[in-house]
N, C-alpha and C. Protein backbone atom coordinates (compact mmCIF):
# COMPACT_ATOMS: atom_id res chain seq x y z
N MET A 1 -8.62 -3.45 33.72
CA MET A 1 -7.39 -3.79 34.38
C MET A 1 -6.26 -2.93 33.83
N ALA A 2 -5.36 -2.59 34.69
CA ALA A 2 -4.22 -1.78 34.30
C ALA A 2 -3.17 -2.65 33.62
N LYS A 3 -2.57 -2.06 32.60
CA LYS A 3 -1.49 -2.76 31.90
C LYS A 3 -0.19 -2.52 32.62
N ASN A 4 0.79 -3.31 32.28
CA ASN A 4 2.11 -3.16 32.86
C ASN A 4 2.67 -1.80 32.42
N SER A 5 3.04 -0.95 33.36
CA SER A 5 3.48 0.40 33.03
C SER A 5 4.96 0.46 32.67
N ARG A 6 5.69 -0.60 32.89
CA ARG A 6 7.11 -0.59 32.56
C ARG A 6 7.29 -0.76 31.05
N PRO A 7 8.24 -0.04 30.47
CA PRO A 7 8.48 -0.20 29.04
C PRO A 7 8.96 -1.61 28.72
N SER A 8 8.51 -2.11 27.62
CA SER A 8 8.88 -3.47 27.25
C SER A 8 10.31 -3.49 26.70
N GLY A 9 10.81 -4.68 26.59
CA GLY A 9 12.17 -4.87 26.07
C GLY A 9 12.29 -4.42 24.62
N SER A 10 11.20 -4.60 23.86
CA SER A 10 11.26 -4.19 22.46
C SER A 10 11.33 -2.67 22.34
N LYS A 11 10.64 -1.98 23.23
CA LYS A 11 10.69 -0.52 23.20
C LYS A 11 12.11 -0.05 23.52
N ARG A 12 12.72 -0.67 24.50
CA ARG A 12 14.09 -0.31 24.86
C ARG A 12 15.04 -0.56 23.69
N ALA A 13 14.82 -1.67 22.98
CA ALA A 13 15.67 -1.98 21.82
C ALA A 13 15.47 -0.94 20.72
N ARG A 14 14.22 -0.53 20.49
CA ARG A 14 13.94 0.51 19.49
C ARG A 14 14.62 1.82 19.86
N GLU A 15 14.52 2.20 21.13
CA GLU A 15 15.13 3.45 21.58
C GLU A 15 16.65 3.39 21.45
N LYS A 16 17.22 2.25 21.75
CA LYS A 16 18.67 2.09 21.64
C LYS A 16 19.10 2.18 20.18
N ALA A 17 18.35 1.55 19.28
CA ALA A 17 18.66 1.61 17.85
C ALA A 17 18.53 3.04 17.33
N GLN A 18 17.51 3.74 17.78
CA GLN A 18 17.32 5.12 17.36
C GLN A 18 18.47 6.01 17.85
N ALA A 19 18.90 5.80 19.09
CA ALA A 19 20.01 6.57 19.64
C ALA A 19 21.28 6.29 18.84
N GLU A 20 21.49 5.05 18.45
CA GLU A 20 22.67 4.69 17.65
C GLU A 20 22.61 5.37 16.28
N ARG A 21 21.44 5.37 15.62
CA ARG A 21 21.29 6.04 14.33
C ARG A 21 21.57 7.53 14.45
N ASN A 22 21.05 8.15 15.53
CA ASN A 22 21.28 9.57 15.73
C ASN A 22 22.76 9.87 15.93
N LYS A 23 23.45 8.98 16.64
CA LYS A 23 24.87 9.15 16.88
C LYS A 23 25.64 9.05 15.55
N GLU A 24 25.29 8.09 14.70
CA GLU A 24 25.92 7.94 13.39
C GLU A 24 25.67 9.16 12.51
N LYS A 25 24.44 9.67 12.54
CA LYS A 25 24.11 10.87 11.78
C LYS A 25 24.96 12.05 12.22
N GLN A 26 25.09 12.22 13.53
CA GLN A 26 25.88 13.32 14.06
C GLN A 26 27.34 13.20 13.63
N ASN A 27 27.87 11.97 13.64
CA ASN A 27 29.25 11.75 13.19
C ASN A 27 29.41 12.10 11.72
N ARG A 28 28.43 11.70 10.88
CA ARG A 28 28.49 12.04 9.46
C ARG A 28 28.44 13.54 9.26
N ARG A 29 27.60 14.22 10.02
CA ARG A 29 27.51 15.68 9.92
C ARG A 29 28.84 16.33 10.27
N LEU A 30 29.48 15.87 11.33
CA LEU A 30 30.77 16.43 11.73
C LEU A 30 31.83 16.19 10.66
N GLU A 31 31.87 14.97 10.10
CA GLU A 31 32.83 14.67 9.04
C GLU A 31 32.60 15.56 7.83
N ARG A 32 31.34 15.74 7.45
CA ARG A 32 31.00 16.58 6.30
C ARG A 32 31.43 18.03 6.56
N ARG A 33 31.18 18.51 7.78
CA ARG A 33 31.55 19.86 8.14
C ARG A 33 33.07 20.05 8.06
N GLU A 34 33.83 19.07 8.57
CA GLU A 34 35.29 19.14 8.51
C GLU A 34 35.79 19.09 7.06
N ARG A 35 35.19 18.23 6.25
CA ARG A 35 35.60 18.09 4.85
C ARG A 35 35.37 19.40 4.10
N LYS A 36 34.20 20.03 4.34
CA LYS A 36 33.90 21.29 3.67
C LYS A 36 34.87 22.39 4.12
N ALA A 37 35.25 22.38 5.39
CA ALA A 37 36.16 23.40 5.90
C ALA A 37 37.55 23.24 5.31
N ASN A 38 37.97 22.01 5.02
CA ASN A 38 39.32 21.75 4.51
C ASN A 38 39.43 21.90 2.99
N VAL A 39 38.32 21.94 2.28
CA VAL A 39 38.37 22.00 0.82
C VAL A 39 38.91 23.34 0.36
N GLY A 40 38.52 24.41 0.97
CA GLY A 40 38.99 25.72 0.56
C GLY A 40 38.03 26.34 -0.45
N PRO A 41 38.36 27.56 -0.89
CA PRO A 41 37.48 28.25 -1.83
C PRO A 41 37.55 27.65 -3.22
N ARG A 42 36.52 27.91 -4.01
CA ARG A 42 36.50 27.45 -5.39
C ARG A 42 37.50 28.26 -6.20
N PRO A 43 38.09 27.65 -7.21
CA PRO A 43 39.00 28.42 -8.07
C PRO A 43 38.22 29.47 -8.87
N GLU A 44 38.85 30.60 -9.08
CA GLU A 44 38.21 31.67 -9.84
C GLU A 44 38.18 31.30 -11.32
N GLY A 45 37.29 31.92 -12.04
CA GLY A 45 37.22 31.68 -13.48
C GLY A 45 35.95 30.93 -13.83
N GLU A 46 36.05 30.07 -14.82
CA GLU A 46 34.89 29.37 -15.34
C GLU A 46 34.51 28.19 -14.44
N ASP A 47 33.21 28.04 -14.23
CA ASP A 47 32.70 26.93 -13.43
C ASP A 47 32.91 25.63 -14.21
N PRO A 48 33.56 24.62 -13.62
CA PRO A 48 33.83 23.38 -14.38
C PRO A 48 32.56 22.66 -14.82
N ASP A 49 31.45 22.86 -14.12
CA ASP A 49 30.20 22.21 -14.53
C ASP A 49 29.63 22.85 -15.79
N LEU A 50 29.95 24.12 -16.01
CA LEU A 50 29.39 24.85 -17.14
C LEU A 50 30.40 25.06 -18.26
N ALA A 51 31.58 24.49 -18.15
CA ALA A 51 32.62 24.69 -19.15
C ALA A 51 32.16 24.16 -20.51
N GLY A 52 32.31 24.98 -21.52
CA GLY A 52 32.00 24.56 -22.88
C GLY A 52 30.54 24.71 -23.28
N ILE A 53 29.69 25.14 -22.39
CA ILE A 53 28.27 25.30 -22.72
C ILE A 53 28.07 26.71 -23.26
N GLN A 54 27.35 26.80 -24.37
CA GLN A 54 27.07 28.09 -24.99
C GLN A 54 25.63 28.48 -24.67
N ALA A 55 25.38 29.78 -24.70
CA ALA A 55 24.02 30.26 -24.48
C ALA A 55 23.17 29.87 -25.69
N GLY A 56 21.92 29.55 -25.45
CA GLY A 56 21.02 29.20 -26.53
C GLY A 56 20.88 27.70 -26.68
N PRO A 57 20.28 27.28 -27.78
CA PRO A 57 20.07 25.84 -28.00
C PRO A 57 21.40 25.10 -28.10
N GLN A 58 21.45 23.94 -27.51
CA GLN A 58 22.66 23.13 -27.52
C GLN A 58 22.63 22.18 -28.72
N PRO A 59 23.81 21.80 -29.23
CA PRO A 59 23.84 20.85 -30.34
C PRO A 59 23.28 19.50 -29.89
N ARG A 60 22.69 18.80 -30.82
CA ARG A 60 22.08 17.51 -30.53
C ARG A 60 23.19 16.49 -30.21
N PRO A 61 23.06 15.74 -29.10
CA PRO A 61 24.08 14.73 -28.77
C PRO A 61 24.11 13.63 -29.83
N GLU A 62 25.29 13.07 -30.05
CA GLU A 62 25.45 12.04 -31.08
C GLU A 62 24.62 10.80 -30.79
N TRP A 63 24.45 10.47 -29.51
CA TRP A 63 23.73 9.23 -29.19
C TRP A 63 22.24 9.34 -29.51
N LEU A 64 21.74 10.55 -29.76
CA LEU A 64 20.34 10.71 -30.15
C LEU A 64 20.13 10.63 -31.65
N ASP A 65 21.23 10.76 -32.42
CA ASP A 65 21.11 10.72 -33.87
C ASP A 65 20.76 9.31 -34.32
N VAL A 66 19.72 9.20 -35.12
CA VAL A 66 19.28 7.90 -35.64
C VAL A 66 19.85 7.76 -37.05
N PRO A 67 20.45 6.63 -37.38
CA PRO A 67 20.96 6.44 -38.75
C PRO A 67 19.82 6.59 -39.75
N GLU A 68 20.15 7.08 -40.94
CA GLU A 68 19.11 7.34 -41.95
C GLU A 68 18.41 6.07 -42.40
N GLU A 69 19.10 4.92 -42.43
CA GLU A 69 18.49 3.68 -42.87
C GLU A 69 17.30 3.32 -41.99
N GLU A 70 17.46 3.39 -40.69
CA GLU A 70 16.37 3.08 -39.77
C GLU A 70 15.23 4.07 -39.94
N ASP A 71 15.56 5.32 -40.21
CA ASP A 71 14.56 6.36 -40.37
C ASP A 71 13.69 6.05 -41.59
N GLU A 72 14.32 5.61 -42.71
CA GLU A 72 13.56 5.29 -43.91
C GLU A 72 12.67 4.07 -43.69
N LEU A 73 13.15 3.07 -42.94
CA LEU A 73 12.36 1.88 -42.68
C LEU A 73 11.10 2.23 -41.89
N SER A 74 11.23 3.09 -40.93
CA SER A 74 10.08 3.43 -40.11
C SER A 74 9.03 4.18 -40.95
N GLU A 75 9.47 4.98 -41.93
CA GLU A 75 8.51 5.67 -42.79
C GLU A 75 7.76 4.67 -43.66
N ASP A 76 8.47 3.64 -44.20
CA ASP A 76 7.83 2.62 -45.02
C ASP A 76 6.84 1.82 -44.19
N GLU A 77 7.16 1.51 -42.94
CA GLU A 77 6.27 0.74 -42.07
C GLU A 77 5.00 1.51 -41.76
N GLU A 78 5.10 2.83 -41.65
CA GLU A 78 3.94 3.66 -41.34
C GLU A 78 2.94 3.63 -42.48
N LYS A 79 3.42 3.52 -43.72
CA LYS A 79 2.53 3.53 -44.89
C LYS A 79 1.74 2.23 -45.00
N VAL A 80 2.25 1.14 -44.46
CA VAL A 80 1.60 -0.16 -44.59
C VAL A 80 0.41 -0.27 -43.73
């Protein structure tokens, strides 16, 4: 037997939701394009993301430094 050839209501709802998502995406793309056009060129000189970085190994961050007391305790625990 042949099935109903008309698209179901759920299919129409899916297509409508997809069209709405595509429309929102297009609007975001346009906004992004306008924002990039209005920003202008980057300032000359040093890149702010790389400011203060030296070539070669970097100094160890303070948050990685372990106090010496904890370091000694862990050595004593390893011997036990």
